[in-house]
Amino acid sequence: MAGMWLGSGWKMTMLRAETDAFCRELDAYVRQHQPPIELFIVPAYPYIGQARSILDSSPVRVGAQNMHWEDAGAYTGEVSPRMLIDVGASIVELGHHERRTLFGETDAMINRKMKAAFKHGLRPLLCVGEAVRMEEAEAVAIVQGQLRGALEGVGVDVLHELLLAYEPGWAIGTGGEAADASYVTGMHAALRQLLSDLASPETADAVPILYGGSVDQHNAERYLRAQGVDGLFVGRAARRAADFIALIEMAARLCQDEG
């Protein structure tokens, strides 16, 4: 089974001092309590190395919010997989709704990035989700299409390293609406079924599928208890260390109850 995961994505927020304070508070908590959860943070590019340095002896993973598919070259403003590894990143977020809609990233581009991530040993956190509310069958077709496109030509032998996040576009951001847990369960089941079809049921079960989109302290437990949800990828509600720690403690209690 995939186990429980909890991540905090920072987008274009938090400067050096805020990054320092967050990471030190999180590091102290994790060292003392050793929660039975896979944890990660995804800061902005300039602070990846700083975060990794503070969390150097911690199991908390540090990720990047995007990358180019080439190792090096004349790609002004881009960051390569080798650069991410060089500053200590072990996860790379790919295919986020904002990258698709604001920066025109296509399934083909995301596919190239996925292949580069697997090639270099970076764990891709692939984000999929329909942009607007629609009938569930239509949404399933879209997110399965995004997943299928991202994995085109990717060997099944590396899929156990995939992290998958279902984040409907209509649920993220300041104007987002929280999705019903039952709806999330159905979408996660559809994604896991496609993984099973592409690889095997065992591989599909090994891939953590996280939910993200207007998650907060009030609804997080409902999502964590939902069938097929292996964790959460949280934005605004986890950008203070105390709030992220509160979610970790909630998830740890659920793990103990289920154990």
C-alpha atoms as a PDB file:
ATOM      1  CA  MET A   1       0.000   0.000   0.000  1.00  0.00           C
ATOM      2  CA  ALA A   2       1.040   3.588  -0.589  1.00  0.00           C
ATOM      3  CA  GLY A   3       1.012   4.852   3.005  1.00  0.00           C
ATOM      4  CA  MET A   4      -0.048   8.360   4.000  1.00  0.00           C
ATOM      5  CA  TRP A   5       1.521  11.496   2.503  1.00  0.00           C
ATOM      6  CA  LEU A   6       1.187  15.156   3.420  1.00  0.00           C
ATOM      7  CA  GLY A   7       2.722  18.009   1.469  1.00  0.00           C
ATOM      8  CA  SER A   8       2.715  21.792   1.505  1.00  0.00           C
ATOM      9  CA  GLY A   9       3.025  23.728  -1.776  1.00  0.00           C
ATOM     10  CA  TRP A  10       4.128  27.332  -1.454  1.00  0.00           C
ATOM     11  CA  LYS A  11       3.724  28.693  -4.996  1.00  0.00           C
ATOM     12  CA  MET A  12       5.270  32.189  -5.348  1.00  0.00           C
ATOM     13  CA  THR A  13       5.113  33.031  -1.647  1.00  0.00           C
ATOM     14  CA  MET A  14       7.426  33.075   1.401  1.00  0.00           C
ATOM     15  CA  LEU A  15      10.795  34.804   1.367  1.00  0.00           C
ATOM     16  CA  ARG A  16      14.056  33.614   2.940  1.00  0.00           C
ATOM     17  CA  ALA A  17      13.225  34.517   6.537  1.00  0.00           C
ATOM     18  CA  GLU A  18       9.802  32.868   6.315  1.00  0.00           C
ATOM     19  CA  THR A  19      11.317  29.765   4.740  1.00  0.00           C
ATOM     20  CA  ASP A  20      13.906  29.611   7.509  1.00  0.00           C
ATOM     21  CA  ALA A  21      11.342  29.932  10.299  1.00  0.00           C
ATOM     22  CA  PHE A  22       8.971  27.368   8.762  1.00  0.00           C
ATOM     23  CA  CYS A  23      11.678  24.764   8.178  1.00  0.00           C
ATOM     24  CA  ARG A  24      13.229  25.137  11.628  1.00  0.00           C
ATOM     25  CA  GLU A  25       9.866  24.769  13.370  1.00  0.00           C
ATOM     26  CA  LEU A  26       8.937  21.771  11.225  1.00  0.00           C
ATOM     27  CA  ASP A  27      12.356  20.172  11.733  1.00  0.00           C
ATOM     28  CA  ALA A  28      12.106  20.483  15.505  1.00  0.00           C
ATOM     29  CA  TYR A  29       8.622  18.959  15.521  1.00  0.00           C
ATOM     30  CA  VAL A  30       9.525  16.022  13.277  1.00  0.00           C
ATOM     31  CA  ARG A  31      12.675  15.235  15.261  1.00  0.00           C
ATOM     32  CA  GLN A  32      10.710  15.131  18.507  1.00  0.00           C
ATOM     33  CA  HIS A  33       7.552  13.329  17.358  1.00  0.00           C
ATOM     34  CA  GLN A  34       8.630  11.271  14.326  1.00  0.00           C
ATOM     35  CA  PRO A  35       5.139  11.148  12.767  1.00  0.00           C
ATOM     36  CA  PRO A  36       4.377   7.990  10.727  1.00  0.00           C
ATOM     37  CA  ILE A  37       3.676  10.022   7.588  1.00  0.00           C
ATOM     38  CA  GLU A  38       5.636  10.826   4.435  1.00  0.00           C
ATOM     39  CA  LEU A  39       6.141  14.604   4.486  1.00  0.00           C
ATOM     40  CA  PHE A  40       7.280  17.091   1.864  1.00  0.00           C
ATOM     41  CA  ILE A  41       7.390  20.811   1.162  1.00  0.00           C
ATOM     42  CA  VAL A  42       7.633  22.565  -2.202  1.00  0.00           C
ATOM     43  CA  PRO A  43       9.158  26.037  -1.798  1.00  0.00           C
ATOM     44  CA  ALA A  44      10.084  28.523  -4.510  1.00  0.00           C
ATOM     45  CA  TYR A  45      13.252  27.850  -6.513  1.00  0.00           C
ATOM     46  CA  PRO A  46      15.571  30.297  -4.675  1.00  0.00           C
ATOM     47  CA  TYR A  47      14.956  28.624  -1.305  1.00  0.00           C
ATOM     48  CA  ILE A  48      15.159  24.913  -2.165  1.00  0.00           C
ATOM     49  CA  GLY A  49      18.784  24.660  -1.058  1.00  0.00           C
ATOM     50  CA  GLN A  50      18.098  26.644   2.099  1.00  0.00           C
ATOM     51  CA  ALA A  51      15.166  24.398   3.032  1.00  0.00           C
ATOM     52  CA  ARG A  52      17.151  21.237   2.294  1.00  0.00           C
ATOM     53  CA  SER A  53      20.051  22.492   4.434  1.00  0.00           C
ATOM     54  CA  ILE A  54      17.818  23.111   7.447  1.00  0.00           C
ATOM     55  CA  LEU A  55      16.042  19.773   6.971  1.00  0.00           C
ATOM     56  CA  ASP A  56      19.288  17.972   6.168  1.00  0.00           C
ATOM     57  CA  SER A  57      18.903  15.223   8.787  1.00  0.00           C
ATOM     58  CA  SER A  58      15.117  15.135   8.530  1.00  0.00           C
ATOM     59  CA  PRO A  59      12.924  12.683   6.604  1.00  0.00           C
ATOM     60  CA  VAL A  60      10.993  15.659   5.206  1.00  0.00           C
ATOM     61  CA  ARG A  61      11.480  15.768   1.440  1.00  0.00           C
ATOM     62  CA  VAL A  62      12.009  19.046  -0.416  1.00  0.00           C
ATOM     63  CA  GLY A  63      10.607  19.515  -3.902  1.00  0.00           C
ATOM     64  CA  ALA A  64      10.549  22.000  -6.772  1.00  0.00           C
ATOM     65  CA  GLN A  65       7.499  23.489  -8.424  1.00  0.00           C
ATOM     66  CA  ASN A  66       8.535  22.801 -12.021  1.00  0.00           C
ATOM     67  CA  MET A  67      11.517  22.064 -14.268  1.00  0.00           C
ATOM     68  CA  HIS A  68      12.653  21.893 -17.890  1.00  0.00           C
ATOM     69  CA  TRP A  69      13.099  18.522 -19.568  1.00  0.00           C
ATOM     70  CA  GLU A  70      16.621  19.204 -20.860  1.00  0.00           C
ATOM     71  CA  ASP A  71      19.759  18.671 -18.768  1.00  0.00           C
ATOM     72  CA  ALA A  72      21.322  21.967 -19.904  1.00  0.00           C
ATOM     73  CA  GLY A  73      21.221  24.430 -22.772  1.00  0.00           C
ATOM     74  CA  ALA A  74      20.066  27.800 -24.046  1.00  0.00           C
ATOM     75  CA  TYR A  75      16.759  27.896 -22.155  1.00  0.00           C
ATOM     76  CA  THR A  76      16.869  31.267 -20.425  1.00  0.00           C
ATOM     77  CA  GLY A  77      14.894  31.323 -17.204  1.00  0.00           C
ATOM     78  CA  GLU A  78      14.523  27.553 -16.956  1.00  0.00           C
ATOM     79  CA  VAL A  79      15.866  25.091 -14.385  1.00  0.00           C
ATOM     80  CA  SER A  80      17.103  21.601 -15.260  1.00  0.00           C
ATOM     81  CA  PRO A  81      16.671  18.278 -13.428  1.00  0.00           C
ATOM     82  CA  ARG A  82      20.405  18.214 -12.663  1.00  0.00           C
ATOM     83  CA  MET A  83      20.176  21.654 -11.049  1.00  0.00           C
ATOM     84  CA  LEU A  84      17.308  20.537  -8.830  1.00  0.00           C
ATOM     85  CA  ILE A  85      19.239  17.506  -7.676  1.00  0.00           C
ATOM     86  CA  ASP A  86      22.314  19.682  -7.118  1.00  0.00           C
ATOM     87  CA  VAL A  87      20.443  21.859  -4.592  1.00  0.00           C
ATOM     88  CA  GLY A  88      18.868  18.882  -2.822  1.00  0.00           C
ATOM     89  CA  ALA A  89      15.418  18.489  -4.339  1.00  0.00           C
ATOM     90  CA  SER A  90      14.056  14.941  -4.498  1.00  0.00           C
ATOM     91  CA  ILE A  91      10.515  15.690  -5.760  1.00  0.00           C
ATOM     92  CA  VAL A  92       9.388  17.805  -8.686  1.00  0.00           C
ATOM     93  CA  GLU A  93       5.824  19.039  -9.126  1.00  0.00           C
ATOM     94  CA  LEU A  94       4.650  18.763 -12.726  1.00  0.00           C
ATOM     95  CA  GLY A  95       1.444  19.595 -14.559  1.00  0.00           C
ATOM     96  CA  HIS A  96      -0.101  21.930 -11.999  1.00  0.00           C
ATOM     97  CA  HIS A  97      -3.314  23.596 -13.179  1.00  0.00           C
ATOM     98  CA  GLU A  98      -1.642  27.016 -13.125  1.00  0.00           C
ATOM     99  CA  ARG A  99       1.232  25.769 -15.285  1.00  0.00           C
ATOM    100  CA  ARG A 100      -1.269  24.374 -17.766  1.00  0.00           C
ATOM    101  CA  THR A 101      -3.564  27.414 -17.895  1.00  0.00           C
ATOM    102  CA  LEU A 102      -1.263  30.391 -17.252  1.00  0.00           C
ATOM    103  CA  PHE A 103       1.836  29.133 -19.047  1.00  0.00           C
ATOM    104  CA  GLY A 104       0.339  26.945 -21.743  1.00  0.00           C
ATOM    105  CA  GLU A 105       1.915  23.659 -20.727  1.00  0.00           C
ATOM    106  CA  THR A 106       0.542  20.746 -22.728  1.00  0.00           C
ATOM    107  CA  ASP A 107       0.340  17.040 -21.976  1.00  0.00           C
ATOM    108  CA  ALA A 108       3.212  16.529 -24.437  1.00  0.00           C
ATOM    109  CA  MET A 109       5.444  18.989 -22.560  1.00  0.00           C
ATOM    110  CA  ILE A 110       4.549  17.437 -19.237  1.00  0.00           C
ATOM    111  CA  ASN A 111       5.326  14.004 -20.674  1.00  0.00           C
ATOM    112  CA  ARG A 112       8.851  15.137 -21.587  1.00  0.00           C
ATOM    113  CA  LYS A 113       9.334  16.480 -18.077  1.00  0.00           C
ATOM    114  CA  MET A 114       8.052  13.254 -16.563  1.00  0.00           C
ATOM    115  CA  LYS A 115      10.555  11.221 -18.549  1.00  0.00           C
ATOM    116  CA  ALA A 116      13.366  13.554 -17.488  1.00  0.00           C
ATOM    117  CA  ALA A 117      12.352  13.299 -13.829  1.00  0.00           C
ATOM    118  CA  PHE A 118      12.349   9.509 -13.869  1.00  0.00           C
ATOM    119  CA  LYS A 119      15.638   9.468 -15.801  1.00  0.00           C
ATOM    120  CA  HIS A 120      17.374  11.523 -13.103  1.00  0.00           C
ATOM    121  CA  GLY A 121      15.783   9.856 -10.091  1.00  0.00           C
ATOM    122  CA  LEU A 122      13.525  12.757  -9.181  1.00  0.00           C
ATOM    123  CA  ARG A 123      10.126  11.678  -7.910  1.00  0.00           C
ATOM    124  CA  PRO A 124       7.496  13.404 -10.065  1.00  0.00           C
ATOM    125  CA  LEU A 125       4.445  14.787  -8.305  1.00  0.00           C
ATOM    126  CA  LEU A 126       2.044  14.817 -11.232  1.00  0.00           C
ATOM    127  CA  CYS A 127      -0.973  17.094 -10.845  1.00  0.00           C
ATOM    128  CA  VAL A 128      -4.136  16.355 -12.817  1.00  0.00           C
ATOM    129  CA  GLY A 129      -7.597  17.850 -12.666  1.00  0.00           C
ATOM    130  CA  GLU A 130     -10.443  19.245 -14.715  1.00  0.00           C
ATOM    131  CA  ALA A 131     -10.515  23.055 -15.000  1.00  0.00           C
ATOM    132  CA  VAL A 132     -14.215  23.679 -14.343  1.00  0.00           C
ATOM    133  CA  ARG A 133     -17.110  21.817 -12.746  1.00  0.00           C
ATOM    134  CA  MET A 134     -18.722  19.287 -15.064  1.00  0.00           C
ATOM    135  CA  GLU A 135     -20.392  15.906 -15.061  1.00  0.00           C
ATOM    136  CA  GLU A 136     -18.232  13.317 -13.321  1.00  0.00           C
ATOM    137  CA  ALA A 137     -17.953  11.142 -16.428  1.00  0.00           C
ATOM    138  CA  GLU A 138     -16.568  14.103 -18.406  1.00  0.00           C
ATOM    139  CA  ALA A 139     -14.139  14.930 -15.602  1.00  0.00           C
ATOM    140  CA  VAL A 140     -12.941  11.326 -15.464  1.00  0.00           C
ATOM    141  CA  ALA A 141     -12.228  11.399 -19.201  1.00  0.00           C
ATOM    142  CA  ILE A 142     -10.164  14.582 -18.810  1.00  0.00           C
ATOM    143  CA  VAL A 143      -8.063  13.505 -15.834  1.00  0.00           C
ATOM    144  CA  GLN A 144      -7.490  10.029 -17.241  1.00  0.00           C
ATOM    145  CA  GLY A 145      -6.420  11.681 -20.485  1.00  0.00           C
ATOM    146  CA  GLN A 146      -3.972  13.905 -18.599  1.00  0.00           C
ATOM    147  CA  LEU A 147      -2.537  10.912 -16.754  1.00  0.00           C
ATOM    148  CA  ARG A 148      -2.313   8.814 -19.891  1.00  0.00           C
ATOM    149  CA  GLY A 149      -0.608  11.670 -21.770  1.00  0.00           C
ATOM    150  CA  ALA A 150       1.897  12.281 -18.964  1.00  0.00           C
ATOM    151  CA  LEU A 151       2.852   8.603 -18.880  1.00  0.00           C
ATOM    152  CA  GLU A 152       3.073   8.028 -22.643  1.00  0.00           C
ATOM    153  CA  GLY A 153       6.242   6.032 -23.260  1.00  0.00           C
ATOM    154  CA  VAL A 154       7.141   5.823 -19.553  1.00  0.00           C
ATOM    155  CA  GLY A 155       8.180   2.326 -18.507  1.00  0.00           C
ATOM    156  CA  VAL A 156       5.946   0.530 -16.018  1.00  0.00           C
ATOM    157  CA  ASP A 157       9.051  -0.385 -14.004  1.00  0.00           C
ATOM    158  CA  VAL A 158       9.346   3.196 -12.668  1.00  0.00           C
ATOM    159  CA  LEU A 159       5.684   3.898 -11.943  1.00  0.00           C
ATOM    160  CA  HIS A 160       6.047   2.866  -8.300  1.00  0.00           C
ATOM    161  CA  GLU A 161       8.057   6.127  -7.932  1.00  0.00           C
ATOM    162  CA  LEU A 162       5.144   8.251  -9.116  1.00  0.00           C
ATOM    163  CA  LEU A 163       3.275  10.621  -6.830  1.00  0.00           C
ATOM    164  CA  LEU A 164      -0.120  11.670  -8.169  1.00  0.00           C
ATOM    165  CA  ALA A 165      -2.221  14.606  -7.012  1.00  0.00           C
ATOM    166  CA  TYR A 166      -5.835  15.119  -8.046  1.00  0.00           C
ATOM    167  CA  GLU A 167      -6.457  18.878  -7.962  1.00  0.00           C
ATOM    168  CA  PRO A 168      -9.547  20.108  -9.800  1.00  0.00           C
ATOM    169  CA  GLY A 169      -8.937  23.621 -11.101  1.00  0.00           C
ATOM    170  CA  TRP A 170     -12.243  24.848  -9.720  1.00  0.00           C
ATOM    171  CA  ALA A 171     -11.194  23.848  -6.196  1.00  0.00           C
ATOM    172  CA  ILE A 172      -7.797  25.563  -5.985  1.00  0.00           C
ATOM    173  CA  GLY A 173      -6.870  29.175  -5.292  1.00  0.00           C
ATOM    174  CA  THR A 174      -8.571  31.896  -3.299  1.00  0.00           C
ATOM    175  CA  GLY A 175     -11.923  31.473  -5.070  1.00  0.00           C
ATOM    176  CA  GLY A 176     -11.887  27.694  -5.013  1.00  0.00           C
ATOM    177  CA  GLU A 177     -14.734  25.512  -3.773  1.00  0.00           C
ATOM    178  CA  ALA A 178     -14.026  22.436  -1.664  1.00  0.00           C
ATOM    179  CA  ALA A 179     -14.964  19.238  -3.483  1.00  0.00           C
ATOM    180  CA  ASP A 180     -17.232  16.664  -1.848  1.00  0.00           C
ATOM    181  CA  ALA A 181     -15.271  13.781  -0.382  1.00  0.00           C
ATOM    182  CA  SER A 182     -17.462  11.291  -2.252  1.00  0.00           C
ATOM    183  CA  TYR A 183     -16.621  13.006  -5.539  1.00  0.00           C
ATOM    184  CA  VAL A 184     -12.905  12.864  -4.713  1.00  0.00           C
ATOM    185  CA  THR A 185     -13.242   9.153  -3.940  1.00  0.00           C
ATOM    186  CA  GLY A 186     -14.713   8.530  -7.388  1.00  0.00           C
ATOM    187  CA  MET A 187     -12.003  10.491  -9.169  1.00  0.00           C
ATOM    188  CA  HIS A 188      -9.227   8.749  -7.257  1.00  0.00           C
ATOM    189  CA  ALA A 189     -10.767   5.379  -8.099  1.00  0.00           C
ATOM    190  CA  ALA A 190     -10.793   6.297 -11.801  1.00  0.00           C
ATOM    191  CA  LEU A 191      -7.130   7.334 -11.681  1.00  0.00           C
ATOM    192  CA  ARG A 192      -6.118   4.167  -9.851  1.00  0.00           C
ATOM    193  CA  GLN A 193      -8.046   2.045 -12.334  1.00  0.00           C
ATOM    194  CA  LEU A 194      -6.139   3.607 -15.220  1.00  0.00           C
ATOM    195  CA  LEU A 195      -2.824   2.975 -13.436  1.00  0.00           C
ATOM    196  CA  SER A 196      -3.899  -0.629 -12.992  1.00  0.00           C
ATOM    197  CA  ASP A 197      -4.751  -0.908 -16.689  1.00  0.00           C
ATOM    198  CA  LEU A 198      -1.434   0.679 -17.725  1.00  0.00           C
ATOM    199  CA  ALA A 199       0.703  -1.386 -15.344  1.00  0.00           C
ATOM    200  CA  SER A 200      -0.823  -3.763 -12.785  1.00  0.00           C
ATOM    201  CA  PRO A 201      -3.116  -3.643  -9.743  1.00  0.00           C
ATOM    202  CA  GLU A 202      -0.053  -3.998  -7.501  1.00  0.00           C
ATOM    203  CA  THR A 203       1.666  -1.022  -9.113  1.00  0.00           C
ATOM    204  CA  ALA A 204      -1.517   1.032  -8.930  1.00  0.00           C
ATOM    205  CA  ASP A 205      -1.857   0.288  -5.211  1.00  0.00           C
ATOM    206  CA  ALA A 206       1.737   1.418  -4.648  1.00  0.00           C
ATOM    207  CA  VAL A 207       1.180   4.890  -6.157  1.00  0.00           C
ATOM    208  CA  PRO A 208       0.072   7.477  -3.570  1.00  0.00           C
ATOM    209  CA  ILE A 209      -2.836   9.533  -4.881  1.00  0.00           C
ATOM    210  CA  LEU A 210      -3.197  12.789  -2.975  1.00  0.00           C
ATOM    211  CA  TYR A 211      -6.008  15.314  -2.997  1.00  0.00           C
ATOM    212  CA  GLY A 212      -5.506  19.064  -3.213  1.00  0.00           C
ATOM    213  CA  GLY A 213      -7.975  21.917  -3.533  1.00  0.00           C
ATOM    214  CA  SER A 214      -9.353  24.193  -0.775  1.00  0.00           C
ATOM    215  CA  VAL A 215      -8.132  21.789   1.908  1.00  0.00           C
ATOM    216  CA  ASP A 216      -8.203  23.360   5.380  1.00  0.00           C
ATOM    217  CA  GLN A 217      -8.241  22.418   9.040  1.00  0.00           C
ATOM    218  CA  HIS A 218     -12.013  21.856   8.914  1.00  0.00           C
ATOM    219  CA  ASN A 219     -12.281  19.461   5.965  1.00  0.00           C
ATOM    220  CA  ALA A 220      -8.874  17.740   5.951  1.00  0.00           C
ATOM    221  CA  GLU A 221      -9.996  14.819   8.111  1.00  0.00           C
ATOM    222  CA  ARG A 222     -12.960  14.164   5.839  1.00  0.00           C
ATOM    223  CA  TYR A 223     -10.631  13.850   2.851  1.00  0.00           C
ATOM    224  CA  LEU A 224      -8.092  11.746   4.739  1.00  0.00           C
ATOM    225  CA  ARG A 225     -10.838   9.300   5.714  1.00  0.00           C
ATOM    226  CA  ALA A 226     -12.152   9.075   2.143  1.00  0.00           C
ATOM    227  CA  GLN A 227     -11.614   5.792   0.331  1.00  0.00           C
ATOM    228  CA  GLY A 228      -8.639   5.871  -2.013  1.00  0.00           C
ATOM    229  CA  VAL A 229      -7.138   9.109  -0.684  1.00  0.00           C
ATOM    230  CA  ASP A 230      -3.536   8.511   0.369  1.00  0.00           C
ATOM    231  CA  GLY A 231      -2.875  12.018   1.628  1.00  0.00           C
ATOM    232  CA  LEU A 232      -3.145  15.722   0.933  1.00  0.00           C
ATOM    233  CA  PHE A 233      -1.265  18.358  -1.034  1.00  0.00           C
ATOM    234  CA  VAL A 234      -2.167  21.588   0.754  1.00  0.00           C
ATOM    235  CA  GLY A 235      -1.711  25.221  -0.221  1.00  0.00           C
ATOM    236  CA  ARG A 236      -2.742  28.240   1.840  1.00  0.00           C
ATOM    237  CA  ALA A 237      -3.850  26.182   4.856  1.00  0.00           C
ATOM    238  CA  ALA A 238      -0.317  24.832   5.374  1.00  0.00           C
ATOM    239  CA  ARG A 239       1.941  27.811   4.747  1.00  0.00           C
ATOM    240  CA  ARG A 240       2.455  28.421   8.434  1.00  0.00           C
ATOM    241  CA  ALA A 241       4.459  25.730  10.161  1.00  0.00           C
ATOM    242  CA  ALA A 242       1.941  25.558  13.002  1.00  0.00           C
ATOM    243  CA  ASP A 243      -0.889  24.890  10.542  1.00  0.00           C
ATOM    244  CA  PHE A 244       1.100  22.237   8.694  1.00  0.00           C
ATOM    245  CA  ILE A 245       1.994  20.590  12.003  1.00  0.00           C
ATOM    246  CA  ALA A 246      -1.682  20.593  13.021  1.00  0.00           C
ATOM    247  CA  LEU A 247      -2.498  18.693   9.817  1.00  0.00           C
ATOM    248  CA  ILE A 248       0.377  16.277  10.495  1.00  0.00           C
ATOM    249  CA  GLU A 249      -0.990  15.577  13.972  1.00  0.00           C
ATOM    250  CA  MET A 250      -4.464  14.994  12.562  1.00  0.00           C
ATOM    251  CA  ALA A 251      -3.101  12.564   9.979  1.00  0.00           C
ATOM    252  CA  ALA A 252      -0.974  10.794  12.604  1.00  0.00           C
ATOM    253  CA  ARG A 253      -4.044  10.249  14.797  1.00  0.00           C
ATOM    254  CA  LEU A 254      -5.900   8.712  11.869  1.00  0.00           C
ATOM    255  CA  CYS A 255      -2.952   6.404  11.172  1.00  0.00           C
ATOM    256  CA  GLN A 256      -2.994   5.257  14.794  1.00  0.00           C
ATOM    257  CA  ASP A 257      -6.775   4.717  14.719  1.00  0.00           C
ATOM    258  CA  GLU A 258      -6.510   2.633  11.560  1.00  0.00           C
ATOM    259  CA  GLY A 259      -3.448   0.757  12.837  1.00  0.00           C
END
